[in-house]
Amino acid sequence: MKDNNKNDKSSTENVERNYVISPFKFIMMLLSTIIITAAVTAFAILSGNEKIISDDTQKRSEFVKLYAVYDTLNKKYYKKVEKDKLIDGAIKGMVSGLDDPYSEYMTSAEQNDFTESMQGDFQGIGTEIEEKDNKIMISSPIKGAPAQKAGVKSGDIIMAVDDKSVEGKSTQDVVKLVRGKKGTVVTLTLKRGDAEPFDVKITRDKIHMNSIEYTFKKDGTGVITVMKFQEGTADEFTDALKSLRDKGMKQVVIDLRDNPGGYLDEAAKMAETYLEKGKVIVQMEDVSGNKELLKASKDEDALTKNLPTVILLNEGSASASEVFAAALKDNGKAKIVGHKSFGKGIVQTTSTFKDKSMIKYTEQKWLTPNSTWIHKKGITPDIKVDLPSYVHGQMLDADEVLTLHVKSTKVKSMEMGLKALGFDPGKVDNTFDESTLYAVQNFQMENNLTVDGIMTGKTTDKFMTQLAKKIENDDVQLKRAIQEAKKK
């Protein structure tokens, strides 16, 4: 596997080129106009320099209209024109003409924010978003960040930020609305499925972008959760394997659920720990159909040799996480459990100009070792495991009041949660009836709360806390993955 210097530059050229692999997702954090995709990176798989604009641009006929418009506006517009804004606008328009949500132009300031966003700690709410069907959607909340703690889920649609509609706004625009200082509060209006829109108040905080967490189970199972493929993830993975081995690990589950991607190089290095020298990790294909095979450069690590391995995926697993999963699956090194993955099978290239502005555009697609293109299809698990319905319920806000005779989709979500916690609400529907009232009262009695049958305030807080704990403890996908790992 080729190790390229991502800082390779040439002062004689206009641009430096880096290959990135990423879904169109954005981390919302302070100090960043987060133009950061799920790859969270501009890491070079291949690096080099390319002069995009030739010296004879003014002689090219396709630019005649462009120059004519520029001159007309510059000379005849009724107010003074900011030339840089005209140029930036023209470039943005050119890139938007690709009709590709993964391609974009960034000004030098935006590029700087993009770079800062990849450097460590941030302040914000910690969630990743993408544009889908002209809507801004939560693709995956970062584990442990304020958004996840507040109950934000993958697939939630952002309708408004602090009562300001986001209709027609870009992901950049939404990020600017959401970011802010630690300790400040932002209110997101979200829509979940067919339910009514609801508000979530989130207190911004400092967010450290951990890469890997791991735990050791009493049955000898190591569980390694990879949140994102960032710089050093492969080394962290090796360290986790060593630590788990020393504790007596017999099998391992690699949890890539809601992992939006990251450095392709790190995903490849992780896969390399499982593969024999010369085995294909991923294939890159250009517009002409030419393929480049990225292969393991060394034999599998002793840590993973004969180690039963299962990978967990869900609809939030994308890009580099799919590369890793496919590499192990196609090479017969792991079984996949969970849900079909996101399906991101294209590669973006970034080109940074001398003024530090940048364009990012789709240049290649990637294929699995078995030559499968998973774009918009995802990776189908070997064993599909559905989560219980209450996991997908709507989050309740402590400021809201749900009481007898109220009809709302939130009532249905509450009833699903009550039933999961062992309090029978009767028929699970949108109506807060006598059976629902009785279930809420029982919940309040058991938790030493004021018994009034009203879901609000402290009752809601306690309810959501217990439900979140149950979701974590009753992780049926993880339990099945562990079962499968122990079979090997």
Foldseek 3Di string as FASTA:
>chain_A
DDDDDQPDDDPVAFWKKAWFWFAQKFWQFPLALTSAGLQLDRHHPDIDGDHDDDPPVVVDPVCPVVVVVLVCCCPPPPDHDDSVVSVQVVVQVVQVVVVDQQWGWFALSNLVRSVVSQPWKTKFQAFMWHQDPQWIFTLFGQPPGQCVVQPDGGGKTFQAKQPHGCRPPDSSVVSVSGYDDAQDKIKTFIDFDPFDTDITITGIHMDGDDAWDWDADPVQEIEIEGQEQGPCNLVVVVVSLVVSVVVRHQAYEYEQELSRYHGLVSLQSNLLLQAAFPQFLKWKAFPVRDIDTDTRHHGHHPSLVVHQYEYEYAQNRDISSLSNVLSCVVVVNYFYEEAFYNARFWMWMWIAGPSRIIIIDTTIGMAGSVRHRRHRNGDGGPYYDDDDPLSSADQDAQADKDAAFQFGSNQLSLQVLLVLVPQHQDDRHRHCHPSQLRSLQVQCVVVVHPRDSMRHHPSSVVSVVVSVVCCVVPVVRVVVRVVSSVVD
